[in-house]
């Protein structure tokens, strides 16, 4: 997530369409990553798939991408779990 107008010389999704479309595209791609890893057609052992899913969820969640974006948008001294709960209540 960033507010750049261009990526590789082309308009970013939020500029070409709108911010809501950009957020939905990002959500869709993240969900697709989980789907691909979890699919039996992905030739990985189940234990490897579980480790990849765990790593991806940690990297994308409050301890990673989401937490990093949240701290940039609204810096606050708060425990990540409490921060997520307070955001969900709004």
PDB file of N, CA and C in Angstrom:
ATOM      1  N   UNK A   1       0.846  -1.182   0.000  1.00  0.00           N
ATOM      2  CA  UNK A   1       0.000   0.000   0.000  1.00  0.00           C
ATOM      3  C   UNK A   1       0.887   1.239   0.000  1.00  0.00           C
ATOM      4  N   UNK A   2       0.649   2.040  -0.972  1.00  0.00           N
ATOM      5  CA  UNK A   2       1.347   3.308  -1.004  1.00  0.00           C
ATOM      6  C   UNK A   2       0.497   4.281  -1.812  1.00  0.00           C
ATOM      7  N   UNK A   3       0.969   5.470  -1.914  1.00  0.00           N
ATOM      8  CA  UNK A   3       0.171   6.465  -2.640  1.00  0.00           C
ATOM      9  C   UNK A   3       0.867   6.929  -3.918  1.00  0.00           C
ATOM     10  N   UNK A   4       1.763   6.082  -4.449  1.00  0.00           N
ATOM     11  CA  UNK A   4       2.411   6.424  -5.711  1.00  0.00           C
ATOM     12  C   UNK A   4       1.376   6.486  -6.830  1.00  0.00           C
ATOM     13  N   UNK A   5       1.574   7.406  -7.747  1.00  0.00           N
ATOM     14  CA  UNK A   5       0.660   7.538  -8.872  1.00  0.00           C
ATOM     15  C   UNK A   5       0.998   6.572 -10.002  1.00  0.00           C
ATOM     16  N   UNK A   6       2.271   6.180 -10.087  1.00  0.00           N
ATOM     17  CA  UNK A   6       2.716   5.307 -11.167  1.00  0.00           C
ATOM     18  C   UNK A   6       3.480   4.110 -10.627  1.00  0.00           C
ATOM     19  N   UNK A   7       3.374   2.991 -11.327  1.00  0.00           N
ATOM     20  CA  UNK A   7       4.160   1.798 -11.030  1.00  0.00           C
ATOM     21  C   UNK A   7       4.658   1.278 -12.371  1.00  0.00           C
ATOM     22  N   UNK A   8       5.973   1.205 -12.526  1.00  0.00           N
ATOM     23  CA  UNK A   8       6.592   0.791 -13.793  1.00  0.00           C
ATOM     24  C   UNK A   8       6.044   1.600 -14.969  1.00  0.00           C
ATOM     25  N   UNK A   9       5.845   2.887 -14.747  1.00  0.00           N
ATOM     26  CA  UNK A   9       5.394   3.786 -15.797  1.00  0.00           C
ATOM     27  C   UNK A   9       3.907   3.750 -16.105  1.00  0.00           C
ATOM     28  N   UNK A  10       3.154   2.984 -15.337  1.00  0.00           N
ATOM     29  CA  UNK A  10       1.707   2.872 -15.564  1.00  0.00           C
ATOM     30  C   UNK A  10       0.958   3.346 -14.329  1.00  0.00           C
ATOM     31  N   UNK A  11      -0.258   3.883 -14.512  1.00  0.00           N
ATOM     32  CA  UNK A  11      -1.026   4.347 -13.355  1.00  0.00           C
ATOM     33  C   UNK A  11      -1.315   3.199 -12.377  1.00  0.00           C
ATOM     34  N   UNK A  12      -1.162   3.484 -11.097  1.00  0.00           N
ATOM     35  CA  UNK A  12      -1.501   2.488 -10.091  1.00  0.00           C
ATOM     36  C   UNK A  12      -3.016   2.328 -10.041  1.00  0.00           C
ATOM     37  N   UNK A  13      -3.484   1.245  -9.421  1.00  0.00           N
ATOM     38  CA  UNK A  13      -4.915   0.923  -9.445  1.00  0.00           C
ATOM     39  C   UNK A  13      -5.754   2.048  -8.852  1.00  0.00           C
ATOM     40  N   UNK A  14      -5.288   2.643  -7.744  1.00  0.00           N
ATOM     41  CA  UNK A  14      -6.109   3.688  -7.131  1.00  0.00           C
ATOM     42  C   UNK A  14      -6.192   4.938  -8.003  1.00  0.00           C
ATOM     43  N   UNK A  15      -5.240   5.109  -8.920  1.00  0.00           N
ATOM     44  CA  UNK A  15      -5.300   6.240  -9.856  1.00  0.00           C
ATOM     45  C   UNK A  15      -6.099   5.865 -11.106  1.00  0.00           C
ATOM     46  N   UNK A  16      -5.908   4.661 -11.611  1.00  0.00           N
ATOM     47  CA  UNK A  16      -6.613   4.219 -12.812  1.00  0.00           C
ATOM     48  C   UNK A  16      -8.101   3.999 -12.542  1.00  0.00           C
ATOM     49  N   UNK A  17      -8.444   3.579 -11.323  1.00  0.00           N
ATOM     50  CA  UNK A  17      -9.829   3.311 -10.964  1.00  0.00           C
ATOM     51  C   UNK A  17     -10.204   4.177  -9.765  1.00  0.00           C
ATOM     52  N   UNK A  18     -10.087   3.616  -8.575  1.00  0.00           N
ATOM     53  CA  UNK A  18     -10.344   4.378  -7.357  1.00  0.00           C
ATOM     54  C   UNK A  18      -9.756   3.621  -6.172  1.00  0.00           C
ATOM     55  N   UNK A  19      -9.759   4.266  -5.011  1.00  0.00           N
ATOM     56  CA  UNK A  19      -9.141   3.663  -3.834  1.00  0.00           C
ATOM     57  C   UNK A  19      -9.840   2.374  -3.414  1.00  0.00           C
ATOM     58  N   UNK A  20     -11.178   2.358  -3.482  1.00  0.00           N
ATOM     59  CA  UNK A  20     -11.923   1.151  -3.097  1.00  0.00           C
ATOM     60  C   UNK A  20     -11.535  -0.028  -3.988  1.00  0.00           C
ATOM     61  N   UNK A  21     -11.409   0.205  -5.286  1.00  0.00           N
ATOM     62  CA  UNK A  21     -11.016  -0.863  -6.211  1.00  0.00           C
ATOM     63  C   UNK A  21      -9.611  -1.364  -5.892  1.00  0.00           C
ATOM     64  N   UNK A  22      -8.716  -0.457  -5.533  1.00  0.00           N
ATOM     65  CA  UNK A  22      -7.348  -0.835  -5.189  1.00  0.00           C
ATOM     66  C   UNK A  22      -7.328  -1.718  -3.942  1.00  0.00           C
ATOM     67  N   UNK A  23      -8.112  -1.358  -2.951  1.00  0.00           N
ATOM     68  CA  UNK A  23      -8.179  -2.155  -1.718  1.00  0.00           C
ATOM     69  C   UNK A  23      -8.759  -3.530  -2.012  1.00  0.00           C
ATOM     70  N   UNK A  24      -9.828  -3.585  -2.804  1.00  0.00           N
ATOM     71  CA  UNK A  24     -10.432  -4.873  -3.158  1.00  0.00           C
ATOM     72  C   UNK A  24      -9.477  -5.735  -3.974  1.00  0.00           C
ATOM     73  N   UNK A  25      -8.719  -5.122  -4.873  1.00  0.00           N
ATOM     74  CA  UNK A  25      -7.741  -5.875  -5.662  1.00  0.00           C
ATOM     75  C   UNK A  25      -6.680  -6.477  -4.747  1.00  0.00           C
ATOM     76  N   UNK A  26      -6.187  -5.692  -3.804  1.00  0.00           N
ATOM     77  CA  UNK A  26      -5.191  -6.201  -2.865  1.00  0.00           C
ATOM     78  C   UNK A  26      -5.744  -7.327  -2.006  1.00  0.00           C
ATOM     79  N   UNK A  27      -6.959  -7.153  -1.508  1.00  0.00           N
ATOM     80  CA  UNK A  27      -7.601  -8.209  -0.711  1.00  0.00           C
ATOM     81  C   UNK A  27      -7.766  -9.483  -1.535  1.00  0.00           C
ATOM     82  N   UNK A  28      -8.175  -9.322  -2.783  1.00  0.00           N
ATOM     83  CA  UNK A  28      -8.382 -10.474  -3.664  1.00  0.00           C
ATOM     84  C   UNK A  28      -7.074 -11.217  -3.932  1.00  0.00           C
ATOM     85  N   UNK A  29      -6.011 -10.479  -4.179  1.00  0.00           N
ATOM     86  CA  UNK A  29      -4.721 -11.118  -4.452  1.00  0.00           C
ATOM     87  C   UNK A  29      -4.179 -11.845  -3.226  1.00  0.00           C
ATOM     88  N   UNK A  30      -4.360 -11.258  -2.055  1.00  0.00           N
ATOM     89  CA  UNK A  30      -3.910 -11.921  -0.833  1.00  0.00           C
ATOM     90  C   UNK A  30      -4.694 -13.213  -0.618  1.00  0.00           C
ATOM     91  N   UNK A  31      -6.007 -13.150  -0.808  1.00  0.00           N
ATOM     92  CA  UNK A  31      -6.841 -14.338  -0.660  1.00  0.00           C
ATOM     93  C   UNK A  31      -6.465 -15.394  -1.693  1.00  0.00           C
ATOM     94  N   UNK A  32      -6.178 -14.967  -2.922  1.00  0.00           N
ATOM     95  CA  UNK A  32      -5.756 -15.899  -3.969  1.00  0.00           C
ATOM     96  C   UNK A  32      -4.466 -16.613  -3.565  1.00  0.00           C
ATOM     97  N   UNK A  33      -3.551 -15.915  -2.932  1.00  0.00           N
ATOM     98  CA  UNK A  33      -2.305 -16.546  -2.482  1.00  0.00           C
ATOM     99  C   UNK A  33      -2.599 -17.699  -1.517  1.00  0.00           C
ATOM    100  N   UNK A  34      -3.511 -17.481  -0.572  1.00  0.00           N
ATOM    101  CA  UNK A  34      -3.889 -18.560   0.354  1.00  0.00           C
ATOM    102  C   UNK A  34      -4.535 -19.712  -0.403  1.00  0.00           C
ATOM    103  N   UNK A  35      -5.393 -19.387  -1.355  1.00  0.00           N
ATOM    104  CA  UNK A  35      -6.079 -20.412  -2.142  1.00  0.00           C
ATOM    105  C   UNK A  35      -5.089 -21.271  -2.913  1.00  0.00           C
ATOM    106  N   UNK A  36      -4.120 -20.645  -3.546  1.00  0.00           N
ATOM    107  CA  UNK A  36      -3.122 -21.384  -4.327  1.00  0.00           C
ATOM    108  C   UNK A  36      -2.297 -22.293  -3.423  1.00  0.00           C
ATOM    109  N   UNK A  37      -1.853 -21.779  -2.295  1.00  0.00           N
ATOM    110  CA  UNK A  37      -1.041 -22.585  -1.377  1.00  0.00           C
ATOM    111  C   UNK A  37      -1.838 -23.761  -0.820  1.00  0.00           C
ATOM    112  N   UNK A  38      -3.102 -23.541  -0.499  1.00  0.00           N
ATOM    113  CA  UNK A  38      -3.922 -24.585   0.123  1.00  0.00           C
ATOM    114  C   UNK A  38      -4.418 -25.630  -0.869  1.00  0.00           C
ATOM    115  N   UNK A  39      -4.428 -25.318  -2.144  1.00  0.00           N
ATOM    116  CA  UNK A  39      -4.975 -26.211  -3.171  1.00  0.00           C
ATOM    117  C   UNK A  39      -4.145 -27.484  -3.299  1.00  0.00           C
ATOM    118  N   UNK A  40      -4.831 -28.628  -3.373  1.00  0.00           N
ATOM    119  CA  UNK A  40      -4.140 -29.913  -3.543  1.00  0.00           C
ATOM    120  C   UNK A  40      -3.346 -29.961  -4.842  1.00  0.00           C
ATOM    121  N   UNK A  41      -3.754 -29.164  -5.841  1.00  0.00           N
ATOM    122  CA  UNK A  41      -3.037 -29.126  -7.116  1.00  0.00           C
ATOM    123  C   UNK A  41      -1.655 -28.496  -6.969  1.00  0.00           C
ATOM    124  N   UNK A  42      -1.444 -27.764  -5.888  1.00  0.00           N
ATOM    125  CA  UNK A  42      -0.119 -27.218  -5.607  1.00  0.00           C
ATOM    126  C   UNK A  42       0.718 -28.369  -5.056  1.00  0.00           C
ATOM    127  N   UNK A  43       1.725 -28.747  -5.805  1.00  0.00           N
ATOM    128  CA  UNK A  43       2.487 -29.956  -5.497  1.00  0.00           C
ATOM    129  C   UNK A  43       3.449 -29.741  -4.330  1.00  0.00           C
ATOM    130  N   UNK A  44       2.865 -29.563  -3.151  1.00  0.00           N
ATOM    131  CA  UNK A  44       3.655 -29.423  -1.930  1.00  0.00           C
ATOM    132  C   UNK A  44       3.083 -30.357  -0.879  1.00  0.00           C
ATOM    133  N   UNK A  45       3.951 -30.828  -0.017  1.00  0.00           N
ATOM    134  CA  UNK A  45       3.495 -31.658   1.093  1.00  0.00           C
ATOM    135  C   UNK A  45       2.573 -30.830   1.991  1.00  0.00           C
ATOM    136  N   UNK A  46       1.572 -31.456   2.596  1.00  0.00           N
ATOM    137  CA  UNK A  46       0.648 -30.710   3.473  1.00  0.00           C
ATOM    138  C   UNK A  46       1.349 -29.923   4.567  1.00  0.00           C
ATOM    139  N   UNK A  47       2.385 -30.474   5.158  1.00  0.00           N
ATOM    140  CA  UNK A  47       3.121 -29.764   6.206  1.00  0.00           C
ATOM    141  C   UNK A  47       3.800 -28.505   5.684  1.00  0.00           C
ATOM    142  N   UNK A  48       4.308 -28.570   4.477  1.00  0.00           N
ATOM    143  CA  UNK A  48       4.934 -27.405   3.854  1.00  0.00           C
ATOM    144  C   UNK A  48       3.876 -26.348   3.585  1.00  0.00           C
ATOM    145  N   UNK A  49       2.714 -26.793   3.077  1.00  0.00           N
ATOM    146  CA  UNK A  49       1.625 -25.837   2.819  1.00  0.00           C
ATOM    147  C   UNK A  49       1.193 -25.136   4.107  1.00  0.00           C
ATOM    148  N   UNK A  50       1.095 -25.890   5.195  1.00  0.00           N
ATOM    149  CA  UNK A  50       0.713 -25.275   6.470  1.00  0.00           C
ATOM    150  C   UNK A  50       1.730 -24.242   6.920  1.00  0.00           C
ATOM    151  N   UNK A  51       3.002 -24.549   6.751  1.00  0.00           N
ATOM    152  CA  UNK A  51       4.047 -23.593   7.134  1.00  0.00           C
ATOM    153  C   UNK A  51       3.979 -22.336   6.264  1.00  0.00           C
ATOM    154  N   UNK A  52       3.726 -22.506   4.971  1.00  0.00           N
ATOM    155  CA  UNK A  52       3.606 -21.350   4.079  1.00  0.00           C
ATOM    156  C   UNK A  52       2.397 -20.492   4.440  1.00  0.00           C
ATOM    157  N   UNK A  53       1.275 -21.145   4.738  1.00  0.00           N
ATOM    158  CA  UNK A  53       0.066 -20.407   5.129  1.00  0.00           C
ATOM    159  C   UNK A  53       0.315 -19.633   6.423  1.00  0.00           C
ATOM    160  N   UNK A  54       0.972 -20.267   7.381  1.00  0.00           N
ATOM    161  CA  UNK A  54       1.284 -19.583   8.635  1.00  0.00           C
ATOM    162  C   UNK A  54       2.200 -18.386   8.395  1.00  0.00           C
ATOM    163  N   UNK A  55       3.225 -18.575   7.573  1.00  0.00           N
ATOM    164  CA  UNK A  55       4.162 -17.478   7.299  1.00  0.00           C
ATOM    165  C   UNK A  55       3.477 -16.337   6.564  1.00  0.00           C
ATOM    166  N   UNK A  56       2.642 -16.659   5.585  1.00  0.00           N
ATOM    167  CA  UNK A  56       1.929 -15.632   4.832  1.00  0.00           C
ATOM    168  C   UNK A  56       0.962 -14.867   5.725  1.00  0.00           C
ATOM    169  N   UNK A  57       0.246 -15.567   6.578  1.00  0.00           N
ATOM    170  CA  UNK A  57      -0.715 -14.885   7.456  1.00  0.00           C
ATOM    171  C   UNK A  57      -0.003 -13.971   8.449  1.00  0.00           C
ATOM    172  N   UNK A  58       1.139 -14.407   8.953  1.00  0.00           N
ATOM    173  CA  UNK A  58       1.904 -13.550   9.870  1.00  0.00           C
ATOM    174  C   UNK A  58       2.455 -12.323   9.150  1.00  0.00           C
ATOM    175  N   UNK A  59       2.961 -12.536   7.945  1.00  0.00           N
ATOM    176  CA  UNK A  59       3.546 -11.427   7.186  1.00  0.00           C
ATOM    177  C   UNK A  59       2.483 -10.415   6.742  1.00  0.00           C
ATOM    178  N   UNK A  60       1.277 -10.886   6.499  1.00  0.00           N
ATOM    179  CA  UNK A  60       0.215  -9.996   6.025  1.00  0.00           C
ATOM    180  C   UNK A  60      -0.581  -9.380   7.170  1.00  0.00           C
ATOM    181  N   UNK A  61      -0.568  -9.992   8.324  1.00  0.00           N
ATOM    182  CA  UNK A  61      -1.425  -9.574   9.431  1.00  0.00           C
ATOM    183  C   UNK A  61      -0.898  -8.417  10.255  1.00  0.00           C
ATOM    184  N   UNK A  62      -1.399  -8.333  11.467  1.00  0.00           N
ATOM    185  CA  UNK A  62      -1.098  -7.216  12.355  1.00  0.00           C
ATOM    186  C   UNK A  62       0.393  -7.147  12.685  1.00  0.00           C
ATOM    187  N   UNK A  63       1.073  -8.283  12.669  1.00  0.00           N
ATOM    188  CA  UNK A  63       2.501  -8.289  12.944  1.00  0.00           C
ATOM    189  C   UNK A  63       3.349  -7.959  11.735  1.00  0.00           C
ATOM    190  N   UNK A  64       2.719  -7.762  10.591  1.00  0.00           N
ATOM    191  CA  UNK A  64       3.452  -7.492   9.357  1.00  0.00           C
ATOM    192  C   UNK A  64       2.872  -6.310   8.603  1.00  0.00           C
ATOM    193  N   UNK A  65       2.368  -6.597   7.401  1.00  0.00           N
ATOM    194  CA  UNK A  65       1.902  -5.555   6.491  1.00  0.00           C
ATOM    195  C   UNK A  65       0.795  -4.689   7.096  1.00  0.00           C
ATOM    196  N   UNK A  66      -0.227  -5.288   7.651  1.00  0.00           N
ATOM    197  CA  UNK A  66      -1.338  -4.511   8.205  1.00  0.00           C
ATOM    198  C   UNK A  66      -0.870  -3.670   9.388  1.00  0.00           C
ATOM    199  N   UNK A  67      -0.108  -4.265  10.265  1.00  0.00           N
ATOM    200  CA  UNK A  67       0.398  -3.522  11.416  1.00  0.00           C
ATOM    201  C   UNK A  67       1.304  -2.374  11.009  1.00  0.00           C
ATOM    202  N   UNK A  68       2.120  -2.603   9.993  1.00  0.00           N
ATOM    203  CA  UNK A  68       3.006  -1.553   9.508  1.00  0.00           C
ATOM    204  C   UNK A  68       2.236  -0.390   8.903  1.00  0.00           C
ATOM    205  N   UNK A  69       1.232  -0.692   8.125  1.00  0.00           N
ATOM    206  CA  UNK A  69       0.398   0.353   7.509  1.00  0.00           C
ATOM    207  C   UNK A  69      -0.372   1.106   8.590  1.00  0.00           C
ATOM    208  N   UNK A  70      -0.886   0.380   9.550  1.00  0.00           N
ATOM    209  CA  UNK A  70      -1.673   1.004  10.623  1.00  0.00           C
ATOM    210  C   UNK A  70      -0.810   1.979  11.407  1.00  0.00           C
ATOM    211  N   UNK A  71       0.440   1.579  11.665  1.00  0.00           N
ATOM    212  CA  UNK A  71       1.303   2.461  12.457  1.00  0.00           C
ATOM    213  C   UNK A  71       1.687   3.715  11.686  1.00  0.00           C
ATOM    214  N   UNK A  72       1.743   3.633  10.373  1.00  0.00           N
ATOM    215  CA  UNK A  72       2.055   4.807   9.557  1.00  0.00           C
ATOM    216  C   UNK A  72       0.853   5.744   9.509  1.00  0.00           C
ATOM    217  N   UNK A  73      -0.333   5.179   9.348  1.00  0.00           N
ATOM    218  CA  UNK A  73      -1.528   6.010   9.220  1.00  0.00           C
ATOM    219  C   UNK A  73      -1.912   6.683  10.527  1.00  0.00           C
ATOM    220  N   UNK A  74      -1.866   5.931  11.618  1.00  0.00           N
ATOM    221  CA  UNK A  74      -2.293   6.476  12.905  1.00  0.00           C
ATOM    222  C   UNK A  74      -1.350   6.000  13.989  1.00  0.00           C
ATOM    223  N   UNK A  75      -0.190   6.609  14.095  1.00  0.00           N
ATOM    224  CA  UNK A  75       0.768   6.162  15.107  1.00  0.00           C
ATOM    225  C   UNK A  75       0.178   6.252  16.518  1.00  0.00           C
ATOM    226  N   UNK A  76       0.372   5.193  17.243  1.00  0.00           N
ATOM    227  CA  UNK A  76      -0.179   5.129  18.586  1.00  0.00           C
ATOM    228  C   UNK A  76       0.595   4.088  19.378  1.00  0.00           C
ATOM    229  N   UNK A  77       0.853   4.345  20.633  1.00  0.00           N
ATOM    230  CA  UNK A  77       1.507   3.350  21.471  1.00  0.00           C
ATOM    231  C   UNK A  77       0.424   2.414  21.984  1.00  0.00           C
ATOM    232  N   UNK A  78       0.332   1.244  21.362  1.00  0.00           N
ATOM    233  CA  UNK A  78      -0.744   0.324  21.693  1.00  0.00           C
ATOM    234  C   UNK A  78      -0.314  -1.092  21.317  1.00  0.00           C
ATOM    235  N   UNK A  79      -0.704  -2.055  22.096  1.00  0.00           N
ATOM    236  CA  UNK A  79      -0.449  -3.451  21.802  1.00  0.00           C
ATOM    237  C   UNK A  79      -1.199  -3.826  20.522  1.00  0.00           C
ATOM    238  N   UNK A  80      -0.556  -4.559  19.576  1.00  0.00           N
ATOM    239  CA  UNK A  80      -1.211  -4.859  18.303  1.00  0.00           C
ATOM    240  C   UNK A  80      -2.593  -5.483  18.425  1.00  0.00           C
ATOM    241  N   UNK A  81      -2.768  -6.433  19.355  1.00  0.00           N
ATOM    242  CA  UNK A  81      -4.074  -7.074  19.503  1.00  0.00           C
ATOM    243  C   UNK A  81      -5.122  -6.066  19.966  1.00  0.00           C
ATOM    244  N   UNK A  82      -4.778  -5.226  20.920  1.00  0.00           N
ATOM    245  CA  UNK A  82      -5.706  -4.198  21.386  1.00  0.00           C
ATOM    246  C   UNK A  82      -6.017  -3.214  20.266  1.00  0.00           C
ATOM    247  N   UNK A  83      -5.002  -2.924  19.441  1.00  0.00           N
ATOM    248  CA  UNK A  83      -5.195  -2.002  18.338  1.00  0.00           C
ATOM    249  C   UNK A  83      -6.204  -2.576  17.338  1.00  0.00           C
ATOM    250  N   UNK A  84      -6.062  -3.866  17.018  1.00  0.00           N
ATOM    251  CA  UNK A  84      -6.989  -4.498  16.078  1.00  0.00           C
ATOM    252  C   UNK A  84      -8.402  -4.489  16.645  1.00  0.00           C
ATOM    253  N   UNK A  85      -8.536  -4.831  17.906  1.00  0.00           N
ATOM    254  CA  UNK A  85      -9.868  -4.855  18.526  1.00  0.00           C
ATOM    255  C   UNK A  85     -10.491  -3.474  18.542  1.00  0.00           C
ATOM    256  N   UNK A  86      -9.708  -2.449  18.832  1.00  0.00           N
ATOM    257  CA  UNK A  86     -10.276  -1.104  18.854  1.00  0.00           C
ATOM    258  C   UNK A  86     -10.676  -0.655  17.458  1.00  0.00           C
ATOM    259  N   UNK A  87      -9.940  -1.067  16.453  1.00  0.00           N
ATOM    260  CA  UNK A  87     -10.305  -0.704  15.066  1.00  0.00           C
ATOM    261  C   UNK A  87     -11.573  -1.432  14.645  1.00  0.00           C
ATOM    262  N   UNK A  88     -11.716  -2.678  15.041  1.00  0.00           N
ATOM    263  CA  UNK A  88     -12.893  -3.460  14.649  1.00  0.00           C
ATOM    264  C   UNK A  88     -14.169  -2.946  15.313  1.00  0.00           C
ATOM    265  N   UNK A  89     -14.054  -2.304  16.447  1.00  0.00           N
ATOM    266  CA  UNK A  89     -15.227  -1.809  17.151  1.00  0.00           C
ATOM    267  C   UNK A  89     -15.782  -0.521  16.555  1.00  0.00           C
ATOM    268  N   UNK A  90     -14.996   0.133  15.712  1.00  0.00           N
ATOM    269  CA  UNK A  90     -15.432   1.413  15.126  1.00  0.00           C
ATOM    270  C   UNK A  90     -16.381   1.228  14.003  1.00  0.00           C
TER     271      UNK A  90
END
